[in-house]
């Protein structure tokens, strides 16, 4: 609580980050226009490029009957073929069992954290579903990614991106079900040379090499070197 005779004096509000102007208040002048500060030196903000497997982590609370229905071994990690992964997701949504949906790929998360912490640009090269419904896992991936991260060069695919289901039963046991979808279908011709003009680093992962022999992802990653 301020003393009864307290009179505020003019002071400068300081905000984090680089600013083009300073705001002074209170002011005794009638002209309330923003005062121009002395030009500050421009900070160097490097851009990094990443080649990633776009996958979403989907967490849900289920019971043992749900696991049995989809032939999932409790406490283990299994690979689901696409139709079963679609059916599982549809049932999770219909029953309201999903608790979280977050981008989960290693490279995507690395770029996101870099852009948030460094307040600098990054570019993700990967795939994204051509048709995305509001509220779906693809939608969540885009919504939960930093706006400083450039997703304009993602290659569109007709199928789903990758999905990793973490299914938690009442006893706390976690069961994992994974479907790669189209996450390994990034083609070399989808890598634009122009994005590397001002790039400072390229981030890749050995996970890119773990797909099927016919997947184009390893060649796409090699194109960037």
Protein backbone atom coordinates (compact mmCIF):
# COMPACT_ATOMS: atom_id res chain seq x y z
CA UNK A 1 0.00 0.00 0.00
CA UNK A 2 1.41 3.39 -1.04
CA UNK A 3 1.96 6.18 1.57
CA UNK A 4 -0.77 8.91 1.37
CA UNK A 5 1.68 11.55 0.12
CA UNK A 6 3.48 9.31 -2.36
CA UNK A 7 4.10 10.97 -5.73
CA UNK A 8 5.35 8.65 -8.50
CA UNK A 9 8.33 9.88 -10.47
CA UNK A 10 8.99 9.21 -14.14
CA UNK A 11 10.68 5.86 -14.74
CA UNK A 12 11.46 3.54 -17.64
CA UNK A 13 9.74 0.18 -17.96
CA UNK A 14 12.21 -2.47 -19.12
CA UNK A 15 11.09 -5.54 -21.01
CA UNK A 16 13.15 -8.61 -21.87
CA UNK A 17 14.39 -8.98 -25.42
CA UNK A 18 15.36 -6.50 -28.09
CA UNK A 19 12.98 -3.54 -28.47
CA UNK A 20 12.85 -0.71 -31.02
CA UNK A 21 11.45 1.89 -28.64
CA UNK A 22 11.10 2.81 -24.99
CA UNK A 23 7.83 3.66 -23.27
CA UNK A 24 7.89 6.31 -20.56
CA UNK A 25 5.06 6.79 -18.04
CA UNK A 26 3.69 8.61 -16.22
CA UNK A 27 4.37 11.69 -18.33
CA UNK A 28 3.75 15.39 -17.85
CA UNK A 29 3.69 16.09 -21.59
CA UNK A 30 0.53 16.23 -23.63
CA UNK A 31 2.23 14.44 -26.51
CA UNK A 32 1.86 10.73 -25.66
CA UNK A 33 3.67 9.46 -28.75
CA UNK A 34 6.25 6.71 -28.29
CA UNK A 35 9.79 8.02 -27.84
CA UNK A 36 12.33 6.53 -30.21
CA UNK A 37 15.24 4.94 -28.45
CA UNK A 38 18.77 4.96 -29.70
CA UNK A 39 19.21 2.20 -32.23
CA UNK A 40 20.35 -0.94 -30.49
CA UNK A 41 22.79 -3.32 -32.14
CA UNK A 42 20.97 -6.05 -34.03
CA UNK A 43 21.38 -9.43 -32.45
CA UNK A 44 22.52 -12.38 -34.53
CA UNK A 45 19.87 -15.07 -34.45
CA UNK A 46 20.98 -18.19 -36.31
CA UNK A 47 18.45 -20.42 -38.05
CA UNK A 48 18.74 -24.18 -37.69
CA UNK A 49 17.24 -26.83 -39.96
CA UNK A 50 15.97 -30.22 -38.84
CA UNK A 51 14.85 -33.36 -40.70
CA UNK A 52 12.36 -35.20 -38.51
CA UNK A 53 9.81 -37.97 -38.30
CA UNK A 54 6.55 -36.21 -37.44
CA UNK A 55 4.91 -38.28 -34.75
CA UNK A 56 2.38 -37.45 -32.02
CA UNK A 57 2.43 -38.80 -28.48
CA UNK A 58 -1.14 -39.69 -27.48
CA UNK A 59 -1.75 -40.52 -23.82
CA UNK A 60 -4.96 -42.15 -22.62
CA UNK A 61 -6.45 -43.91 -19.60
CA UNK A 62 -7.83 -47.35 -20.44
CA UNK A 63 -8.75 -50.62 -18.76
CA UNK A 64 -7.47 -54.16 -19.33
CA UNK A 65 -10.44 -54.98 -21.55
CA UNK A 66 -9.42 -52.19 -23.93
CA UNK A 67 -5.91 -53.61 -24.22
CA UNK A 68 -7.28 -57.09 -24.86
CA UNK A 69 -9.61 -55.79 -27.56
CA UNK A 70 -6.64 -54.52 -29.58
CA UNK A 71 -4.38 -57.50 -28.77
CA UNK A 72 -1.95 -55.34 -26.80
CA UNK A 73 0.40 -56.96 -24.29
CA UNK A 74 0.21 -55.03 -21.05
CA UNK A 75 3.42 -53.21 -20.14
CA UNK A 76 5.06 -53.78 -23.51
CA UNK A 77 5.66 -51.78 -26.69
CA UNK A 78 4.09 -53.06 -29.90
CA UNK A 79 3.71 -51.92 -33.49
CA UNK A 80 0.16 -51.43 -34.78
CA UNK A 81 -0.81 -51.64 -38.43
CA UNK A 82 -2.60 -48.57 -39.70
CA UNK A 83 -6.23 -49.74 -39.73
CA UNK A 84 -5.98 -50.94 -36.12
CA UNK A 85 -4.25 -47.69 -35.10
CA UNK A 86 -7.10 -45.73 -36.70
CA UNK A 87 -9.76 -47.81 -34.96
CA UNK A 88 -7.98 -47.47 -31.62
CA UNK A 89 -7.79 -43.68 -31.96
CA UNK A 90 -11.44 -43.39 -32.97
CA UNK A 91 -12.50 -45.36 -29.89
CA UNK A 92 -10.30 -43.29 -27.59
CA UNK A 93 -11.92 -40.12 -28.95
CA UNK A 94 -15.45 -41.52 -28.80
CA UNK A 95 -15.04 -42.56 -25.16
CA UNK A 96 -13.19 -39.39 -24.13
CA UNK A 97 -10.20 -41.36 -22.84
CA UNK A 98 -7.42 -39.16 -24.23
CA UNK A 99 -5.64 -36.98 -21.67
CA UNK A 100 -2.79 -35.51 -23.75
CA UNK A 101 -1.73 -35.14 -27.40
CA UNK A 102 1.71 -33.61 -27.98
CA UNK A 103 4.32 -33.52 -30.77
CA UNK A 104 6.70 -36.34 -29.93
CA UNK A 105 9.41 -36.58 -32.56
CA UNK A 106 12.99 -36.05 -31.44
CA UNK A 107 13.96 -33.46 -34.04
CA UNK A 108 10.67 -31.57 -33.89
CA UNK A 109 10.95 -31.22 -30.11
CA UNK A 110 14.58 -30.12 -30.38
CA UNK A 111 13.70 -27.37 -32.87
CA UNK A 112 10.68 -26.30 -30.81
CA UNK A 113 12.75 -25.98 -27.63
CA UNK A 114 15.48 -24.10 -29.49
CA UNK A 115 12.99 -21.62 -30.96
CA UNK A 116 11.31 -21.05 -27.59
CA UNK A 117 14.47 -20.72 -25.51
CA UNK A 118 16.58 -18.81 -28.05
CA UNK A 119 13.66 -16.86 -29.53
CA UNK A 120 15.10 -17.74 -32.91
CA UNK A 121 13.86 -19.33 -36.11
CA UNK A 122 14.06 -22.98 -37.08
CA UNK A 123 12.81 -24.97 -40.05
CA UNK A 124 11.36 -28.48 -39.84
CA UNK A 125 11.54 -30.74 -42.88
CA UNK A 126 9.22 -33.72 -42.69
CA UNK A 127 5.67 -34.73 -43.62
CA UNK A 128 2.18 -33.67 -42.57
CA UNK A 129 -1.25 -35.08 -43.38
CA UNK A 130 -2.92 -33.27 -46.26
CA UNK A 131 -6.37 -33.41 -44.65
CA UNK A 132 -6.49 -32.40 -40.99
CA UNK A 133 -9.60 -32.23 -38.83
CA UNK A 134 -9.90 -29.70 -36.02
CA UNK A 135 -8.96 -31.40 -32.75
CA UNK A 136 -7.19 -34.36 -34.39
CA UNK A 137 -3.62 -35.45 -33.58
CA UNK A 138 -2.28 -33.69 -36.69
CA UNK A 139 -4.07 -30.51 -35.61
CA UNK A 140 -2.60 -30.83 -32.11
CA UNK A 141 0.88 -31.24 -33.57
CA UNK A 142 0.61 -27.95 -35.44
CA UNK A 143 -1.09 -26.05 -32.60
CA UNK A 144 1.47 -27.07 -29.97
CA UNK A 145 4.52 -26.13 -32.04
CA UNK A 146 6.27 -22.77 -31.59
CA UNK A 147 5.27 -20.08 -34.06
CA UNK A 148 8.98 -19.36 -34.49
CA UNK A 149 9.31 -22.80 -36.09
CA UNK A 150 8.79 -22.76 -39.85
CA UNK A 151 6.50 -25.60 -40.95
CA UNK A 152 5.82 -24.22 -44.42
CA UNK A 153 8.09 -26.76 -46.12
CA UNK A 154 6.47 -29.92 -44.71
CA UNK A 155 5.65 -32.39 -47.48
CA UNK A 156 1.95 -33.28 -47.52
CA UNK A 157 0.94 -36.96 -47.48
CA UNK A 158 -2.44 -38.62 -47.97
CA UNK A 159 -2.22 -40.76 -44.85
CA UNK A 160 -1.59 -40.10 -41.13
CA UNK A 161 1.64 -38.95 -39.54
CA UNK A 162 3.19 -41.19 -36.89
CA UNK A 163 1.36 -41.99 -33.67
CA UNK A 164 2.68 -43.33 -30.39
CA UNK A 165 -0.05 -44.34 -27.95
CA UNK A 166 0.72 -44.47 -24.24
CA UNK A 167 -2.12 -46.42 -22.66
CA UNK A 168 -2.23 -46.24 -18.87
CA UNK A 169 -4.30 -48.67 -16.83
CA UNK A 170 -5.60 -48.12 -13.29
CA UNK A 171 -2.60 -49.91 -11.76
CA UNK A 172 -0.25 -47.35 -13.37
CA UNK A 173 1.16 -49.77 -15.94
CA UNK A 174 2.00 -48.20 -19.30
CA UNK A 175 1.47 -49.98 -22.58
CA UNK A 176 2.83 -48.51 -25.81
CA UNK A 177 1.38 -48.94 -29.29
CA UNK A 178 3.16 -47.36 -32.25
CA UNK A 179 2.12 -46.74 -35.85
CA UNK A 180 4.60 -44.99 -38.14
CA UNK A 181 1.96 -43.85 -40.63
CA UNK A 182 3.62 -41.82 -43.38
CA UNK A 183 6.33 -40.24 -41.23
CA UNK A 184 9.13 -41.90 -43.22
CA UNK A 185 7.84 -40.84 -46.62
CA UNK A 186 9.75 -37.55 -46.95
CA UNK A 187 11.17 -37.43 -50.48
CA UNK A 188 14.51 -35.87 -51.53
CA UNK A 189 12.74 -33.57 -53.99
CA UNK A 190 10.76 -32.08 -51.07
CA UNK A 191 13.96 -30.62 -49.59
CA UNK A 192 14.22 -26.96 -50.78
CA UNK A 193 17.80 -25.77 -51.21
CA UNK A 194 16.79 -22.18 -50.46
CA UNK A 195 16.16 -22.86 -46.75
CA UNK A 196 19.85 -23.60 -46.23
CA UNK A 197 21.07 -20.22 -47.49
CA UNK A 198 21.06 -18.63 -44.02
CA UNK A 199 21.12 -21.78 -41.91
CA UNK A 200 23.73 -22.28 -39.20
CA UNK A 201 23.19 -25.95 -38.42
CA UNK A 202 21.46 -29.12 -39.58
CA UNK A 203 19.94 -31.46 -36.99
CA UNK A 204 19.19 -35.09 -37.88
CA UNK A 205 18.68 -38.31 -35.95
CA UNK A 206 19.75 -41.91 -36.49
CA UNK A 207 16.05 -42.79 -36.22
CA UNK A 208 15.77 -41.70 -39.87
CA UNK A 209 17.64 -44.89 -40.83
CA UNK A 210 15.34 -47.31 -39.00
CA UNK A 211 12.52 -47.45 -41.54
CA UNK A 212 11.85 -49.92 -44.31
CA UNK A 213 14.43 -50.29 -47.10
CA UNK A 214 12.08 -48.68 -49.60
CA UNK A 215 11.38 -45.60 -47.47
CA UNK A 216 12.71 -42.37 -49.07
CA UNK A 217 13.51 -40.71 -45.73
CA UNK A 218 17.22 -41.74 -45.54
CA UNK A 219 17.86 -40.33 -49.02
CA UNK A 220 16.02 -37.14 -48.11
CA UNK A 221 18.23 -36.75 -45.04
CA UNK A 222 21.32 -37.39 -47.14
CA UNK A 223 20.29 -34.67 -49.56
CA UNK A 224 20.78 -32.08 -46.83
CA UNK A 225 24.49 -32.81 -46.29
